[in-house]
């Protein structure tokens, strides 16, 4: 145990942060991307369906 702390909890915390932070960023970014992509697509789909129904 020379040089490193060797504390398993500290290592676990680092792993959790390394995995959790990108996941949280994804959890925020993905709905925003879906929102910006889906809304125009839904509008386009509505226009197409309206034209087909007319």
C-alpha atoms as a PDB file:
ATOM      1  CA  UNK A   1       0.000   0.000   0.000  1.00  0.00           C
ATOM      2  CA  UNK A   2       2.753   2.448  -0.854  1.00  0.00           C
ATOM      3  CA  UNK A   3       1.844   5.630  -2.717  1.00  0.00           C
ATOM      4  CA  UNK A   4      -1.889   4.917  -3.210  1.00  0.00           C
ATOM      5  CA  UNK A   5      -4.633   5.249  -0.630  1.00  0.00           C
ATOM      6  CA  UNK A   6      -5.975   1.768  -1.348  1.00  0.00           C
ATOM      7  CA  UNK A   7      -9.383   2.807  -0.052  1.00  0.00           C
ATOM      8  CA  UNK A   8     -12.027   0.778  -1.938  1.00  0.00           C
ATOM      9  CA  UNK A   9     -14.734   3.341  -1.147  1.00  0.00           C
ATOM     10  CA  UNK A  10     -12.723   6.137  -2.729  1.00  0.00           C
ATOM     11  CA  UNK A  11     -12.181   4.030  -5.835  1.00  0.00           C
ATOM     12  CA  UNK A  12     -15.885   3.141  -5.935  1.00  0.00           C
ATOM     13  CA  UNK A  13     -16.792   6.817  -5.656  1.00  0.00           C
ATOM     14  CA  UNK A  14     -14.498   7.669  -8.580  1.00  0.00           C
ATOM     15  CA  UNK A  15     -16.053   4.902 -10.674  1.00  0.00           C
ATOM     16  CA  UNK A  16     -19.577   6.052  -9.811  1.00  0.00           C
ATOM     17  CA  UNK A  17     -18.695   9.634 -10.736  1.00  0.00           C
ATOM     18  CA  UNK A  18     -16.990   8.567 -13.963  1.00  0.00           C
ATOM     19  CA  UNK A  19     -20.101   6.640 -15.013  1.00  0.00           C
ATOM     20  CA  UNK A  20     -22.793   8.782 -13.397  1.00  0.00           C
ATOM     21  CA  UNK A  21     -21.797  12.212 -14.674  1.00  0.00           C
ATOM     22  CA  UNK A  22     -21.900  11.285 -18.402  1.00  0.00           C
ATOM     23  CA  UNK A  23     -25.172   9.432 -17.790  1.00  0.00           C
ATOM     24  CA  UNK A  24     -26.702  12.532 -16.201  1.00  0.00           C
ATOM     25  CA  UNK A  25     -25.510  14.661 -19.115  1.00  0.00           C
ATOM     26  CA  UNK A  26     -27.039  12.155 -21.533  1.00  0.00           C
ATOM     27  CA  UNK A  27     -30.262  12.111 -19.534  1.00  0.00           C
ATOM     28  CA  UNK A  28     -30.481  15.878 -20.036  1.00  0.00           C
ATOM     29  CA  UNK A  29     -29.235  16.047 -23.631  1.00  0.00           C
ATOM     30  CA  UNK A  30     -31.243  13.185 -25.146  1.00  0.00           C
ATOM     31  CA  UNK A  31     -34.731  14.544 -24.309  1.00  0.00           C
ATOM     32  CA  UNK A  32     -33.675  17.969 -25.603  1.00  0.00           C
ATOM     33  CA  UNK A  33     -32.441  16.438 -28.864  1.00  0.00           C
ATOM     34  CA  UNK A  34     -35.568  14.309 -29.177  1.00  0.00           C
ATOM     35  CA  UNK A  35     -37.705  17.405 -28.516  1.00  0.00           C
ATOM     36  CA  UNK A  36     -35.959  19.448 -31.214  1.00  0.00           C
ATOM     37  CA  UNK A  37     -36.124  16.579 -33.721  1.00  0.00           C
ATOM     38  CA  UNK A  38     -39.551  15.176 -32.876  1.00  0.00           C
ATOM     39  CA  UNK A  39     -41.570  18.416 -32.922  1.00  0.00           C
ATOM     40  CA  UNK A  40     -40.793  19.323 -36.566  1.00  0.00           C
ATOM     41  CA  UNK A  41     -41.241  15.662 -37.514  1.00  0.00           C
ATOM     42  CA  UNK A  42     -44.653  15.509 -35.835  1.00  0.00           C
ATOM     43  CA  UNK A  43     -45.680  18.739 -37.560  1.00  0.00           C
ATOM     44  CA  UNK A  44     -44.543  17.334 -40.896  1.00  0.00           C
ATOM     45  CA  UNK A  45     -46.411  14.082 -40.214  1.00  0.00           C
ATOM     46  CA  UNK A  46     -49.548  16.021 -39.298  1.00  0.00           C
ATOM     47  CA  UNK A  47     -49.383  17.965 -42.578  1.00  0.00           C
ATOM     48  CA  UNK A  48     -48.909  14.739 -44.573  1.00  0.00           C
ATOM     49  CA  UNK A  49     -51.808  13.028 -42.822  1.00  0.00           C
ATOM     50  CA  UNK A  50     -53.975  16.114 -43.316  1.00  0.00           C
ATOM     51  CA  UNK A  51     -53.161  16.165 -47.043  1.00  0.00           C
ATOM     52  CA  UNK A  52     -53.926  12.456 -47.338  1.00  0.00           C
ATOM     53  CA  UNK A  53     -57.207  12.837 -45.496  1.00  0.00           C
ATOM     54  CA  UNK A  54     -58.307  15.880 -47.490  1.00  0.00           C
END
